[in-house]
Amino acid sequence: MSYAVQTNKLCKQIGDKHILDKVSLSIKSGEIYGFLGANGAGKTSFIKILMGLYHKTSGEVRIFGYSMDGNNERFKNLYRDIGYIVEVPVFYTHLSVNKNLMIYCDYLDCSYSKIPKILELVGLQNCEKMLTKEMSLGMRQRLAIGRALLADPKLLLLDEPINGLDPHGIKEFRQLMKQINSEAGTTILISSHILSEISKIADTVGIIHKGKILSQISLDQVGADENSLEDYYFNLLRMGGMQ
């Protein structure tokens, strides 16, 4: 079994506050992993450590088997294999969709020829000349996904990606993630506090509460509907997560 992400006793401490407390989890290559927890549980900090935006206090992190520790040149190159989408994506709002993606291609050293296919994949094939400031939140979210896919990443890290989307946008997002996962074999980590959406998309669920992992379990074991996951989640909190 190969793993896209593995952490062992990962800790992040700021002052006296333990943001992440001995977090150990494994994300299998090719799966959709739902990272579930309330706002402030530690999801964003975990993702930022994976992206190298936060320094860990202690513990181990491996991505595709390579440790983040030390001056690992191979690990630095792995960032090309990781796509990252924040809750509110940022673009050059005075520039067109096409120009924004061209700038990102220059940064990644990839061909502009990939842009039309990417825009078609995310349903923006007729929006090349639109200024990003004229786009709805749902359209910008699709554009952010397209931007993240330009380098054909092996791993997508999505931090609360459906916040602000309407029901139609959420459904489109879910379908797109399943398509990317099935067609390209991309490993996807989706952090969210919305149980119903995680229940509809994830293969495995990791539940984090106050910086601690309470459970990591296949959704098949929980039950493939939102009520089953909701019951499981709140039972976990009652048994120990509220301590």
Protein backbone atom coordinates (compact mmCIF):
# COMPACT_ATOMS: atom_id res chain seq x y z
CA MET A 1 0.00 0.00 0.00
CA SER A 2 1.36 3.41 -0.98
CA TYR A 3 0.54 6.63 0.84
CA ALA A 4 0.35 10.19 -0.41
CA VAL A 5 0.55 11.68 3.10
CA GLN A 6 1.72 10.24 6.41
CA THR A 7 2.21 12.07 9.70
CA ASN A 8 3.48 10.71 13.00
CA LYS A 9 2.89 12.59 16.26
CA LEU A 10 2.78 15.89 14.41
CA CYS A 11 2.64 18.89 16.76
CA LYS A 12 2.21 22.60 16.20
CA GLN A 13 2.42 24.87 19.23
CA ILE A 14 2.12 28.65 19.40
CA GLY A 15 2.97 29.92 22.84
CA ASP A 16 1.05 27.76 25.30
CA LYS A 17 -1.57 26.74 22.72
CA HIS A 18 -1.39 23.31 21.09
CA ILE A 19 -2.77 23.84 17.57
CA LEU A 20 -1.96 20.25 16.59
CA ASP A 21 -1.37 17.65 19.27
CA LYS A 22 0.40 14.42 18.21
CA VAL A 23 -1.53 14.08 14.95
CA SER A 24 -0.86 10.73 13.28
CA LEU A 25 -2.73 9.91 10.09
CA SER A 26 -2.25 8.21 6.73
CA ILE A 27 -3.83 9.15 3.40
CA LYS A 28 -3.70 6.41 0.80
CA SER A 29 -2.64 7.27 -2.72
CA GLY A 30 -5.64 7.66 -5.02
CA GLU A 31 -8.31 8.18 -2.38
CA ILE A 32 -10.53 11.10 -1.43
CA TYR A 33 -9.86 11.87 2.22
CA GLY A 34 -12.37 13.93 4.18
CA PHE A 35 -10.70 15.90 6.98
CA LEU A 36 -13.61 16.71 9.25
CA GLY A 37 -13.75 19.05 12.23
CA ALA A 38 -15.27 22.22 13.61
CA ASN A 39 -13.86 25.62 12.76
CA GLY A 40 -10.64 26.05 14.75
CA ALA A 41 -10.04 22.31 15.11
CA GLY A 42 -6.65 22.48 13.39
CA LYS A 43 -7.51 21.55 9.78
CA THR A 44 -6.02 24.64 8.13
CA SER A 45 -2.84 24.48 10.23
CA PHE A 46 -2.37 20.86 9.21
CA ILE A 47 -2.70 21.70 5.51
CA LYS A 48 -0.35 24.68 5.82
CA ILE A 49 2.30 22.42 7.34
CA LEU A 50 1.94 20.05 4.39
CA MET A 51 2.44 23.02 2.06
CA GLY A 52 5.47 24.28 3.97
CA LEU A 53 3.66 27.47 4.97
CA TYR A 54 3.84 26.62 8.68
CA HIS A 55 6.78 25.07 10.52
CA LYS A 56 5.90 22.10 12.70
CA THR A 57 6.97 22.09 16.34
CA SER A 58 7.74 18.36 16.35
CA GLY A 59 6.78 15.07 14.75
CA GLU A 60 7.20 13.64 11.28
CA VAL A 61 5.60 14.42 7.92
CA ARG A 62 6.04 12.35 4.78
CA ILE A 63 4.59 13.11 1.35
CA PHE A 64 4.82 10.32 -1.24
CA GLY A 65 7.24 8.63 1.14
CA TYR A 66 9.68 11.55 1.39
CA SER A 67 10.34 13.26 4.71
CA MET A 68 9.95 17.02 5.06
CA ASP A 69 12.86 17.14 7.48
CA GLY A 70 16.23 18.49 6.46
CA ASN A 71 17.36 19.95 3.15
CA ASN A 72 15.62 17.35 1.01
CA GLU A 73 15.90 18.46 -2.63
CA ARG A 74 13.54 15.72 -3.76
CA PHE A 75 10.89 16.99 -1.37
CA LYS A 76 11.23 20.54 -2.71
CA ASN A 77 10.45 19.21 -6.17
CA LEU A 78 7.35 17.47 -4.84
CA TYR A 79 5.60 20.82 -4.48
CA ARG A 80 5.05 20.67 -8.23
CA ASP A 81 2.95 17.56 -7.56
CA ILE A 82 0.72 19.33 -5.04
CA GLY A 83 -2.25 21.55 -5.84
CA TYR A 84 -3.53 23.80 -3.04
CA ILE A 85 -6.82 25.66 -2.89
CA VAL A 86 -7.74 27.98 -0.03
CA GLU A 87 -11.27 28.87 1.05
CA VAL A 88 -11.22 32.23 -0.78
CA PRO A 89 -9.03 31.97 -3.90
CA VAL A 90 -7.05 35.05 -4.94
CA PHE A 91 -6.53 36.21 -8.53
CA TYR A 92 -5.35 39.29 -10.40
CA THR A 93 -8.85 40.71 -10.59
CA HIS A 94 -8.05 43.27 -13.31
CA LEU A 95 -6.85 40.49 -15.62
CA SER A 96 -8.77 37.94 -17.66
CA VAL A 97 -9.21 34.28 -16.82
CA ASN A 98 -6.80 33.35 -19.58
CA LYS A 99 -4.13 35.83 -18.45
CA ASN A 100 -4.34 34.64 -14.85
CA LEU A 101 -3.73 31.06 -15.96
CA MET A 102 -0.90 32.11 -18.27
CA ILE A 103 0.88 33.80 -15.36
CA TYR A 104 0.53 30.61 -13.33
CA CYS A 105 1.85 28.55 -16.26
CA ASP A 106 4.92 30.80 -16.34
CA TYR A 107 5.40 30.22 -12.62
CA LEU A 108 5.08 26.42 -13.02
CA ASP A 109 6.99 26.33 -16.32
CA CYS A 110 4.16 24.51 -18.08
CA SER A 111 2.67 25.04 -21.53
CA TYR A 112 -0.15 27.50 -22.29
CA SER A 113 -1.59 24.77 -24.50
CA LYS A 114 -3.01 23.10 -21.38
CA ILE A 115 -5.29 26.05 -20.60
CA PRO A 116 -8.21 25.29 -22.99
CA LYS A 117 -8.47 21.70 -21.75
CA ILE A 118 -8.37 22.82 -18.13
CA LEU A 119 -11.09 25.44 -18.68
CA GLU A 120 -13.27 22.84 -20.37
CA LEU A 121 -12.73 20.42 -17.49
CA VAL A 122 -13.93 22.97 -14.91
CA GLY A 123 -16.79 24.27 -17.07
CA LEU A 124 -15.28 27.67 -17.92
CA GLN A 125 -14.49 27.06 -21.60
CA ASN A 126 -16.38 30.18 -22.71
CA CYS A 127 -14.88 32.48 -20.09
CA GLU A 128 -11.31 32.99 -21.32
CA LYS A 129 -11.70 36.75 -21.79
CA MET A 130 -13.78 37.42 -18.67
CA LEU A 131 -12.15 39.50 -15.96
CA THR A 132 -11.91 37.56 -12.73
CA LYS A 133 -13.50 40.45 -10.81
CA GLU A 134 -16.66 39.83 -12.83
CA MET A 135 -16.91 36.17 -11.81
CA SER A 136 -19.21 34.72 -9.17
CA LEU A 137 -17.72 32.94 -6.16
CA GLY A 138 -18.62 29.58 -7.69
CA MET A 139 -16.87 30.49 -10.94
CA ARG A 140 -13.77 31.67 -9.09
CA GLN A 141 -13.74 28.42 -7.15
CA ARG A 142 -13.83 26.44 -10.40
CA LEU A 143 -11.05 28.63 -11.77
CA ALA A 144 -8.97 27.98 -8.65
CA ILE A 145 -9.41 24.24 -9.19
CA GLY A 146 -8.36 24.64 -12.82
CA ARG A 147 -5.30 26.65 -11.80
CA ALA A 148 -4.32 23.96 -9.31
CA LEU A 149 -4.63 21.28 -12.01
CA LEU A 150 -2.33 22.97 -14.54
CA ALA A 151 0.72 21.06 -13.29
CA ASP A 152 -1.14 17.70 -13.21
CA PRO A 153 -0.75 17.36 -9.43
CA LYS A 154 -0.75 13.98 -7.77
CA LEU A 155 -2.21 15.49 -4.59
CA LEU A 156 -4.90 18.16 -4.16
CA LEU A 157 -5.23 19.92 -0.79
CA LEU A 158 -8.57 21.72 -0.47
CA ASP A 159 -9.22 23.89 2.58
CA GLU A 160 -12.98 24.42 3.15
CA PRO A 161 -13.54 24.59 -0.63
CA ILE A 162 -17.37 24.71 -0.60
CA ASN A 163 -17.81 27.61 1.81
CA GLY A 164 -19.91 30.28 0.12
CA LEU A 165 -21.08 28.05 -2.73
CA ASP A 166 -24.79 27.65 -3.43
CA PRO A 167 -26.33 24.13 -3.61
CA HIS A 168 -25.82 23.96 -7.38
CA GLY A 169 -22.19 25.00 -7.05
CA ILE A 170 -21.60 22.45 -4.30
CA LYS A 171 -23.02 19.66 -6.44
CA GLU A 172 -20.86 20.69 -9.42
CA PHE A 173 -17.79 20.82 -7.19
CA ARG A 174 -18.49 17.33 -5.83
CA GLN A 175 -18.93 15.88 -9.31
CA LEU A 176 -15.72 17.51 -10.51
CA MET A 177 -13.69 16.14 -7.61
CA LYS A 178 -14.99 12.63 -8.25
CA GLN A 179 -14.15 12.99 -11.94
CA ILE A 180 -10.59 14.18 -11.26
CA ASN A 181 -10.07 11.40 -8.74
CA SER A 182 -11.39 8.63 -10.99
CA GLU A 183 -9.85 9.77 -14.28
CA ALA A 184 -6.44 10.99 -13.12
CA GLY A 185 -6.08 8.99 -9.91
CA THR A 186 -5.41 12.23 -8.02
CA THR A 187 -5.33 11.94 -4.24
CA ILE A 188 -7.62 14.58 -2.74
CA LEU A 189 -7.69 15.90 0.82
CA ILE A 190 -10.82 17.94 1.53
CA SER A 191 -11.07 19.74 4.86
CA SER A 192 -14.57 20.72 5.94
CA HIS A 193 -16.88 21.21 8.88
CA ILE A 194 -19.91 20.17 6.78
CA LEU A 195 -20.64 16.52 7.57
CA SER A 196 -23.24 16.03 4.84
CA GLU A 197 -20.83 16.95 2.06
CA ILE A 198 -17.98 14.81 3.38
CA SER A 199 -20.38 11.85 3.56
CA LYS A 200 -21.14 12.22 -0.16
CA ILE A 201 -17.59 12.33 -1.47
CA ALA A 202 -14.98 10.81 0.85
CA ASP A 203 -13.51 7.31 0.86
CA THR A 204 -11.90 7.80 4.27
CA VAL A 205 -12.72 10.27 7.03
CA GLY A 206 -10.32 11.69 9.58
CA ILE A 207 -11.96 13.49 12.49
CA ILE A 208 -10.00 16.19 14.30
CA HIS A 209 -11.08 18.02 17.45
CA LYS A 210 -9.08 20.63 19.35
CA GLY A 211 -5.92 19.63 17.51
CA LYS A 212 -6.26 15.90 18.18
CA ILE A 213 -7.24 13.09 15.82
CA LEU A 214 -10.21 11.26 17.29
CA SER A 215 -10.68 8.74 14.49
CA GLN A 216 -9.60 7.75 11.01
CA ILE A 217 -12.03 5.37 9.37
CA SER A 218 -13.36 4.20 6.01
CA LEU A 219 -16.72 5.72 5.19
CA ASP A 220 -17.95 2.22 4.34
CA GLN A 221 -17.45 1.29 7.98
CA VAL A 222 -19.41 4.31 9.18
CA GLY A 223 -22.26 4.03 6.69
CA ALA A 224 -22.54 5.86 3.40
CA ASP A 225 -25.13 8.44 4.39
CA GLU A 226 -24.93 11.74 6.20
CA ASN A 227 -26.96 10.60 9.24
CA SER A 228 -24.56 7.71 9.87
CA LEU A 229 -21.55 10.01 9.76
CA GLU A 230 -23.30 12.59 11.91
CA ASP A 231 -24.11 9.98 14.56
CA TYR A 232 -20.55 8.64 14.48
CA TYR A 233 -19.06 12.13 14.75
CA PHE A 234 -21.11 13.27 17.74
CA ASN A 235 -20.71 9.93 19.51
CA LEU A 236 -16.95 10.42 19.24
CA LEU A 237 -17.22 13.84 20.81
CA ARG A 238 -19.38 12.52 23.63
CA MET A 239 -16.93 9.67 24.34
CA GLY A 240 -13.86 11.82 24.62
CA GLY A 241 -13.63 14.67 22.20
CA MET A 242 -15.25 17.16 24.57
CA GLN A 243 -12.70 16.59 27.30
